[in-house]
Protein backbone atom coordinates (compact mmCIF):
# COMPACT_ATOMS: atom_id res chain seq x y z
CA UNK A 1 0.00 0.00 0.00
CA UNK A 2 1.80 3.18 -1.18
CA UNK A 3 2.80 5.80 1.41
CA UNK A 4 1.14 4.02 4.34
CA UNK A 5 1.61 1.06 6.67
CA UNK A 6 -2.13 0.91 7.51
CA UNK A 7 -3.63 -2.40 6.38
CA UNK A 8 -6.43 -2.88 8.94
CA UNK A 9 -9.14 -0.63 10.35
CA UNK A 10 -11.76 -0.45 13.08
CA UNK A 11 -15.28 0.14 11.82
CA UNK A 12 -18.83 0.12 13.17
CA UNK A 13 -21.07 -2.11 11.09
CA UNK A 14 -24.84 -2.37 11.53
CA UNK A 15 -26.12 -5.38 13.44
CA UNK A 16 -29.37 -5.34 11.42
CA UNK A 17 -31.16 -6.36 14.62
CA UNK A 18 -34.14 -4.02 14.79
CA UNK A 19 -35.46 -5.32 18.12
CA UNK A 20 -35.93 -2.36 20.51
CA UNK A 21 -33.18 -2.17 23.12
CA UNK A 22 -30.62 -4.23 21.20
CA UNK A 23 -27.31 -2.82 19.87
CA UNK A 24 -27.62 -1.31 16.41
CA UNK A 25 -23.91 -1.20 15.56
CA UNK A 26 -20.96 -3.49 16.28
CA UNK A 27 -17.28 -2.57 16.36
CA UNK A 28 -15.23 -4.83 14.09
CA UNK A 29 -11.61 -4.98 12.95
CA UNK A 30 -11.14 -5.74 9.29
CA UNK A 31 -8.72 -5.55 6.41
CA UNK A 32 -8.82 -2.26 4.51
CA UNK A 33 -10.10 -2.24 0.95
CA UNK A 34 -7.19 -2.32 -1.54
CA UNK A 35 -5.72 0.97 -2.72
CA UNK A 36 -6.20 1.18 -6.47
CA UNK A 37 -4.42 3.54 -8.89
CA UNK A 38 -6.96 6.36 -8.34
CA UNK A 39 -7.85 5.49 -4.73
CA UNK A 40 -7.16 7.57 -1.63
CA UNK A 41 -6.67 6.34 1.93
CA UNK A 42 -7.99 8.72 4.61
CA UNK A 43 -7.35 8.62 8.33
CA UNK A 44 -10.70 9.70 9.77
CA UNK A 45 -10.69 12.27 12.58
CA UNK A 46 -14.44 12.92 12.95
CA UNK A 47 -17.74 11.40 11.81
CA UNK A 48 -21.01 13.36 11.95
CA UNK A 49 -24.37 11.63 12.36
CA UNK A 50 -27.61 12.46 10.61
CA UNK A 51 -31.04 11.13 11.51
CA UNK A 52 -30.81 9.12 8.31
CA UNK A 53 -28.13 7.02 10.04
CA UNK A 54 -30.26 6.25 13.08
CA UNK A 55 -33.19 5.47 10.81
CA UNK A 56 -31.14 3.03 8.73
CA UNK A 57 -29.74 1.40 11.89
CA UNK A 58 -33.29 0.89 13.18
CA UNK A 59 -34.59 -0.57 9.91
CA UNK A 60 -36.54 2.44 8.69
CA UNK A 61 -34.79 3.29 5.42
CA UNK A 62 -37.35 3.35 2.58
CA UNK A 63 -34.73 2.08 0.09
CA UNK A 64 -32.73 -1.17 0.19
CA UNK A 65 -29.42 -1.21 2.08
CA UNK A 66 -26.53 -3.65 1.90
CA UNK A 67 -26.48 -6.14 4.81
CA UNK A 68 -24.44 -5.14 7.87
CA UNK A 69 -23.04 -2.08 6.14
CA UNK A 70 -20.82 0.54 7.72
CA UNK A 71 -22.98 3.42 8.97
CA UNK A 72 -22.77 7.18 8.28
CA UNK A 73 -21.91 9.36 5.31
CA UNK A 74 -20.30 12.44 6.92
CA UNK A 75 -16.57 12.28 7.64
CA UNK A 76 -13.51 14.50 7.78
CA UNK A 77 -10.00 13.16 7.70
CA UNK A 78 -6.41 13.39 6.53
CA UNK A 79 -5.10 11.84 3.32
CA UNK A 80 -2.32 9.41 4.32
CA UNK A 81 -1.84 7.44 1.10
CA UNK A 82 -2.73 7.80 -2.58
CA UNK A 83 -2.68 5.59 -5.66
CA UNK A 84 -0.06 6.30 -8.31
CA UNK A 85 -2.65 7.80 -10.70
CA UNK A 86 -4.25 10.25 -8.24
CA UNK A 87 -4.05 13.83 -9.51
CA UNK A 88 -6.33 15.97 -7.32
CA UNK A 89 -5.23 15.10 -3.78
CA UNK A 90 -1.93 14.81 -1.96
CA UNK A 91 -0.80 13.20 1.28
CA UNK A 92 -1.62 15.64 4.08
CA UNK A 93 -4.74 17.10 2.45
CA UNK A 94 -7.99 17.29 4.44
CA UNK A 95 -10.84 15.53 2.64
CA UNK A 96 -14.21 13.81 2.88
CA UNK A 97 -16.48 11.90 0.44
CA UNK A 98 -19.69 13.17 -1.09
CA UNK A 99 -22.93 11.54 0.10
CA UNK A 100 -24.13 10.28 -3.31
CA UNK A 101 -21.00 8.93 -4.98
CA UNK A 102 -22.66 8.95 -8.42
CA UNK A 103 -23.61 12.63 -8.18
CA UNK A 104 -20.59 14.49 -9.48
CA UNK A 105 -21.97 17.23 -11.73
CA UNK A 106 -25.67 16.88 -10.94
CA UNK A 107 -26.46 15.52 -14.39
CA UNK A 108 -25.79 11.83 -13.64
CA UNK A 109 -28.72 9.44 -14.10
CA UNK A 110 -27.72 6.96 -11.38
CA UNK A 111 -27.11 7.23 -7.64
CA UNK A 112 -25.26 5.39 -4.88
CA UNK A 113 -25.67 6.54 -1.29
CA UNK A 114 -23.02 5.97 1.33
CA UNK A 115 -24.18 3.80 4.24
CA UNK A 116 -26.99 2.39 2.08
CA UNK A 117 -25.96 1.17 -1.39
CA UNK A 118 -22.35 0.96 -0.23
CA UNK A 119 -20.36 1.11 3.01
CA UNK A 120 -20.31 4.39 4.87
CA UNK A 121 -17.62 6.17 6.87
CA UNK A 122 -17.98 5.17 10.55
CA UNK A 123 -14.42 3.83 10.65
CA UNK A 124 -10.94 5.01 11.59
CA UNK A 125 -9.74 4.62 7.98
CA UNK A 126 -11.68 4.82 4.70
CA UNK A 127 -10.71 4.27 1.06
CA UNK A 128 -12.46 6.07 -1.81
CA UNK A 129 -11.75 6.95 -5.40
CA UNK A 130 -10.46 10.50 -5.74
CA UNK A 131 -13.43 11.28 -7.99
CA UNK A 132 -15.85 11.25 -5.02
CA UNK A 133 -13.66 13.15 -2.56
CA UNK A 134 -13.58 16.88 -1.88
CA UNK A 135 -10.98 18.94 -0.09
CA UNK A 136 -12.31 20.39 3.17
CA UNK A 137 -11.64 23.91 4.50
CA UNK A 138 -8.36 24.06 6.38
CA UNK A 139 -9.51 26.66 8.95
CA UNK A 140 -12.16 24.37 10.49
CA UNK A 141 -11.41 21.80 13.16
CA UNK A 142 -12.18 18.18 12.37
CA UNK A 143 -15.50 18.12 14.24
CA UNK A 144 -16.82 21.15 12.35
CA UNK A 145 -15.54 19.91 8.99
CA UNK A 146 -17.32 16.56 9.42
CA UNK A 147 -20.72 18.28 9.28
CA UNK A 148 -20.21 19.55 5.73
CA UNK A 149 -20.84 16.66 3.26
CA UNK A 150 -24.49 15.83 4.00
CA UNK A 151 -26.22 18.37 6.27
CA UNK A 152 -24.14 21.29 5.07
CA UNK A 153 -24.35 20.57 1.35
CA UNK A 154 -28.07 19.74 1.64
CA UNK A 155 -28.76 23.12 3.26
CA UNK A 156 -26.58 24.87 0.67
CA UNK A 157 -28.44 23.16 -2.19
CA UNK A 158 -31.86 23.86 -0.65
CA UNK A 159 -31.14 27.60 -0.45
CA UNK A 160 -29.62 27.88 -3.91
CA UNK A 161 -30.92 30.92 -5.79
CA UNK A 162 -31.84 33.00 -2.74
CA UNK A 163 -30.87 36.65 -2.51
CA UNK A 164 -30.48 39.24 0.26
CA UNK A 165 -33.76 40.40 1.77
CA UNK A 166 -35.84 37.40 0.76
CA UNK A 167 -37.73 35.27 3.29
CA UNK A 168 -37.11 31.59 3.98
CA UNK A 169 -39.26 29.27 6.09
CA UNK A 170 -37.21 26.47 7.64
CA UNK A 171 -38.96 23.47 9.11
CA UNK A 172 -37.67 21.79 12.24
CA UNK A 173 -39.96 18.78 12.31
CA UNK A 174 -40.60 16.48 15.24
CA UNK A 175 -42.56 13.25 15.26
CA UNK A 176 -44.73 13.20 18.42
CA UNK A 177 -43.08 11.61 21.45
CA UNK A 178 -46.07 9.30 21.67
CA UNK A 179 -45.26 7.77 18.28
CA UNK A 180 -44.85 4.02 18.29
CA UNK A 181 -41.59 2.27 17.47
CA UNK A 182 -43.21 1.17 14.21
CA UNK A 183 -44.09 4.76 13.31
CA UNK A 184 -40.63 5.97 14.22
CA UNK A 185 -39.06 3.25 12.07
CA UNK A 186 -41.31 4.12 9.16
CA UNK A 187 -40.74 7.87 9.40
CA UNK A 188 -37.78 10.07 10.19
CA UNK A 189 -37.91 11.66 13.63
CA UNK A 190 -35.75 14.66 14.49
CA UNK A 191 -35.67 17.64 16.71
CA UNK A 192 -34.19 20.83 15.36
CA UNK A 193 -31.63 18.80 13.45
CA UNK A 194 -28.61 19.27 11.27
CA UNK A 195 -30.07 20.44 7.96
CA UNK A 196 -32.51 22.85 9.61
CA UNK A 197 -29.86 24.45 11.80
CA UNK A 198 -27.34 24.57 8.95
CA UNK A 199 -29.93 26.21 6.69
CA UNK A 200 -30.76 28.72 9.41
CA UNK A 201 -27.11 29.67 9.84
CA UNK A 202 -26.50 30.00 6.10
CA UNK A 203 -29.69 31.99 5.59
CA UNK A 204 -28.79 34.38 8.39
CA UNK A 205 -25.27 34.85 6.99
CA UNK A 206 -26.77 35.55 3.55
CA UNK A 207 -29.04 38.31 4.85
CA UNK A 208 -32.32 36.43 4.57
CA UNK A 209 -35.39 36.88 6.75
CA UNK A 210 -36.00 33.61 8.60
CA UNK A 211 -39.12 31.88 9.90
CA UNK A 212 -38.36 28.69 11.87
CA UNK A 213 -41.03 26.11 12.71
CA UNK A 214 -40.99 23.41 15.37
CA UNK A 215 -43.38 21.60 17.68
CA UNK A 216 -41.33 22.58 20.72
CA UNK A 217 -41.53 26.06 22.27
CA UNK A 218 -38.40 25.26 24.27
CA UNK A 219 -36.40 24.49 21.13
CA UNK A 220 -37.75 27.55 19.36
CA UNK A 221 -36.72 29.74 22.30
CA UNK A 222 -33.31 28.16 22.38
CA UNK A 223 -32.83 28.88 18.68
CA UNK A 224 -34.18 32.43 19.05
CA UNK A 225 -31.71 33.09 21.85
CA UNK A 226 -28.89 31.63 19.78
CA UNK A 227 -29.83 33.44 16.56
CA UNK A 228 -31.53 36.75 17.48
CA UNK A 229 -33.92 38.21 14.94
CA UNK A 230 -35.47 35.00 13.60
CA UNK A 231 -39.25 34.57 13.63
CA UNK A 232 -40.71 31.35 15.03
CA UNK A 233 -43.89 29.30 14.60
CA UNK A 234 -45.00 26.34 16.70
CA UNK A 235 -46.90 24.15 14.24
CA UNK A 236 -48.31 22.04 17.08
CA UNK A 237 -50.05 24.91 18.85
CA UNK A 238 -50.72 26.69 15.51
CA UNK A 239 -52.17 23.98 13.23
CA UNK A 240 -52.80 26.60 10.54
CA UNK A 241 -49.18 27.66 10.59
CA UNK A 242 -49.24 28.32 6.86
CA UNK A 243 -51.74 31.13 7.43
CA UNK A 244 -49.56 32.51 10.22
CA UNK A 245 -46.58 32.49 7.86
CA UNK A 246 -48.63 34.42 5.31
CA UNK A 247 -49.44 37.04 7.97
CA UNK A 248 -45.77 37.36 8.86
CA UNK A 249 -45.01 38.18 5.22
CA UNK A 250 -47.83 40.68 4.78
CA UNK A 251 -49.91 38.22 2.78
CA UNK A 252 -47.29 37.71 0.06
CA UNK A 253 -45.82 34.39 1.22
CA UNK A 254 -42.23 33.30 1.77
CA UNK A 255 -39.77 33.13 -1.10
CA UNK A 256 -38.52 29.65 -0.28
CA UNK A 257 -39.32 26.77 2.08
CA UNK A 258 -36.81 24.22 3.34
CA UNK A 259 -39.40 21.41 3.51
CA UNK A 260 -38.69 18.53 5.90
CA UNK A 261 -42.11 17.06 6.53
CA UNK A 262 -43.25 15.41 3.32
CA UNK A 263 -46.93 14.65 2.80
CA UNK A 264 -47.94 15.97 6.24
CA UNK A 265 -46.72 19.50 5.58
CA UNK A 266 -46.05 19.87 1.86
CA UNK A 267 -49.40 21.38 0.84
CA UNK A 268 -49.24 23.93 3.66
CA UNK A 269 -45.68 24.77 2.62
CA UNK A 270 -46.94 25.42 -0.90
CA UNK A 271 -49.79 27.56 0.40
CA UNK A 272 -47.48 29.87 2.34
CA UNK A 273 -44.98 30.27 -0.52
CA UNK A 274 -45.37 33.30 -2.77
CA UNK A 275 -46.53 32.76 -6.33
CA UNK A 276 -43.49 31.72 -8.33
CA UNK A 277 -41.55 30.81 -5.19
CA UNK A 278 -39.54 27.68 -4.40
CA UNK A 279 -40.10 24.70 -2.10
CA UNK A 280 -36.96 22.60 -1.53
CA UNK A 281 -38.00 19.12 -0.41
CA UNK A 282 -35.11 17.86 1.72
CA UNK A 283 -36.86 15.16 3.76
CA UNK A 284 -40.04 13.45 4.88
CA UNK A 285 -39.96 13.57 8.64
CA UNK A 286 -43.65 13.42 9.45
CA UNK A 287 -45.92 10.41 9.05
CA UNK A 288 -46.42 9.91 5.31
CA UNK A 289 -50.04 9.72 4.12
CA UNK A 290 -50.92 10.20 0.42
CA UNK A 291 -54.36 11.45 1.49
CA UNK A 292 -52.64 14.65 2.69
CA UNK A 293 -51.78 15.47 -0.94
CA UNK A 294 -55.33 15.89 -2.24
CA UNK A 295 -54.75 19.61 -2.79
CA UNK A 296 -51.21 19.24 -4.16
CA UNK A 297 -51.91 19.59 -7.88
CA UNK A 298 -54.33 22.54 -7.74
CA UNK A 299 -52.15 24.34 -5.19
CA UNK A 300 -48.89 23.93 -7.08
CA UNK A 301 -50.56 25.10 -10.30
CA UNK A 302 -52.40 28.00 -8.70
CA UNK A 303 -49.33 29.32 -6.93
CA UNK A 304 -46.87 28.47 -9.75
CA UNK A 305 -44.53 26.90 -7.20
CA UNK A 306 -41.19 25.40 -8.19
CA UNK A 307 -41.01 22.19 -6.13
CA UNK A 308 -37.54 20.66 -6.22
CA UNK A 309 -36.20 17.52 -4.62
CA UNK A 310 -32.90 17.86 -2.75
CA UNK A 311 -30.70 14.79 -2.28
CA UNK A 312 -27.72 16.37 -0.50
CA UNK A 313 -25.91 17.76 -3.55
CA UNK A 314 -23.32 17.04 -6.19
CA UNK A 315 -19.55 17.10 -5.83
CA UNK A 316 -19.60 20.48 -7.56
CA UNK A 317 -22.10 21.73 -4.96
CA UNK A 318 -19.83 20.57 -2.14
CA UNK A 319 -16.82 22.25 -3.73
CA UNK A 320 -18.77 25.49 -4.13
CA UNK A 321 -19.97 25.30 -0.53
CA UNK A 322 -16.47 24.70 0.83
CA UNK A 323 -15.17 27.62 -1.25
CA UNK A 324 -17.89 29.90 0.16
CA UNK A 325 -17.15 28.81 3.73
CA UNK A 326 -13.42 29.40 3.26
CA UNK A 327 -13.93 32.80 1.65
CA UNK A 328 -16.01 33.99 4.61
CA UNK A 329 -14.07 31.96 7.22
CA UNK A 330 -17.47 30.91 8.59
CA UNK A 331 -17.26 29.09 11.91
CA UNK A 332 -19.48 26.05 12.43
CA UNK A 333 -18.87 25.39 16.13
CA UNK A 334 -22.31 26.74 17.05
CA UNK A 335 -23.92 23.94 15.03
CA UNK A 336 -22.47 21.22 17.26
CA UNK A 337 -24.81 19.82 19.90
CA UNK A 338 -22.67 17.05 21.38
CA UNK A 339 -19.42 15.20 20.64
CA UNK A 340 -19.05 11.51 21.51
CA UNK A 341 -15.85 9.44 21.51
CA UNK A 342 -15.68 7.07 18.54
CA UNK A 343 -16.05 4.09 20.87
CA UNK A 344 -19.47 5.38 22.00
CA UNK A 345 -21.01 5.17 18.53
CA UNK A 346 -23.94 3.11 19.84
CA UNK A 347 -24.82 5.81 22.36
CA UNK A 348 -24.57 8.49 19.67
CA UNK A 349 -26.89 6.59 17.32
CA UNK A 350 -29.47 6.18 20.10
CA UNK A 351 -29.17 9.87 21.05
CA UNK A 352 -30.08 10.83 17.49
CA UNK A 353 -32.80 8.17 17.28
CA UNK A 354 -34.44 9.67 20.35
CA UNK A 355 -34.43 13.11 18.69
CA UNK A 356 -32.55 14.75 21.55
CA UNK A 357 -30.22 16.84 19.42
CA UNK A 358 -30.43 20.51 18.55
CA UNK A 359 -27.77 20.62 15.86
CA UNK A 360 -25.11 18.08 14.98
CA UNK A 361 -23.91 14.98 16.80
CA UNK A 362 -20.31 14.07 16.02
CA UNK A 363 -17.95 11.20 16.82
CA UNK A 364 -14.36 12.24 17.46
CA UNK A 365 -11.50 9.86 16.73
C-alpha cells in the first residue's frame, strides 16, 4: 500500500437487529479495501451523524441497504496514502467523500448513497476513489468539517438561488413523542436537526429573513436566543401555521421553504410560498399519508410553485460550498450539539434516534 503502513481498520457495522433495546452497531476490525491507482486512503478524525443514520440502523430506510453495512456518510479526515494515478489530492490534504457517490456534476442518471448502497464512513480509515472526494476547509477543526458533506451541502443546495432580503421558512420537524416504534421506524424523527440548523445559519449569513417552525416552544426559544432576529412558529399549537406564515409576510408568502415534513406538511408549505416561489424538499420527517396530498396539484398550479427535490448535492455543490465557507471563514462550532468518543457510537446513534439533538452529533476519533 503506497505511502502508508495501515492495512487494517476499526469500523462500526450495523447489526441489522431491529429489536428495541438491542445494539444497532458493532465494532469490528477488518482488512482495509485495496488501494487502487486512483484510490485515496484517509485517516478519519471525525464522523457526523444524521437522523438518516439512526433510521437506517433501526430498519426504517425506505430504500434497500446492503447487509451489515458501515454506517454514516459524513466524515472529515487526513489523506495518508494515494494511488499512483491520483491527480487531485496529496498526502496531508484534508478531505471527505460526497454523500451520493454517483452525483458528481448533478447531471448523472444513477445514484449510490453511502451507508446504504455501499459502506459508509464510521471507521478510523476509509478508502475512496479521488473522484468522489472533496478537499475540506483548512480553517475548520475536524469536528466542524465533518458536518459539511451531508447536512451542510443539503442546506446549501436547498437555499440555492436565494438573494439578500428574501424570506425563507425552515422546518424543524418532530414526530410526536407518543409515536410508536413502528411509526418511528417508518418515518424520520428529528428535533431541530442538522439540515434545519445549517440552513438557518446559512440563511442568516446571507441576509435572509428567517421563519423557523418546530413543535417545541423550548427548542424555538433556544434557537431564538442563539440566533436573534429570527421569527418562530409552533406548528403544534398553531395547526394553521401556513396562514400565520402568510401574515408574517404581509400576505405575500415566503420566497422559499426548506421542507422537511413530506406529505404531512407539503401542501401547507406550498400555500405559504409566494406565487413563483420555491419549495426545496429535503426530507419526509412526518408520518407519510398520500391522502394529505389531495390539494397538491391545484395548489402547485395555482401558486406556480417550483417544487424541487434535494438529495444532499453534487460534488460540484460541495466544492462550491467549501469555497464559500473558506472565503467567509465561517465558523461552524455553534452547530455542534454534542461530541461523543468514537467508541461510543452506539450511544450516539441512540441519542439521534431519540431526537434529543439541537444541531449536529459528532464522533471524534
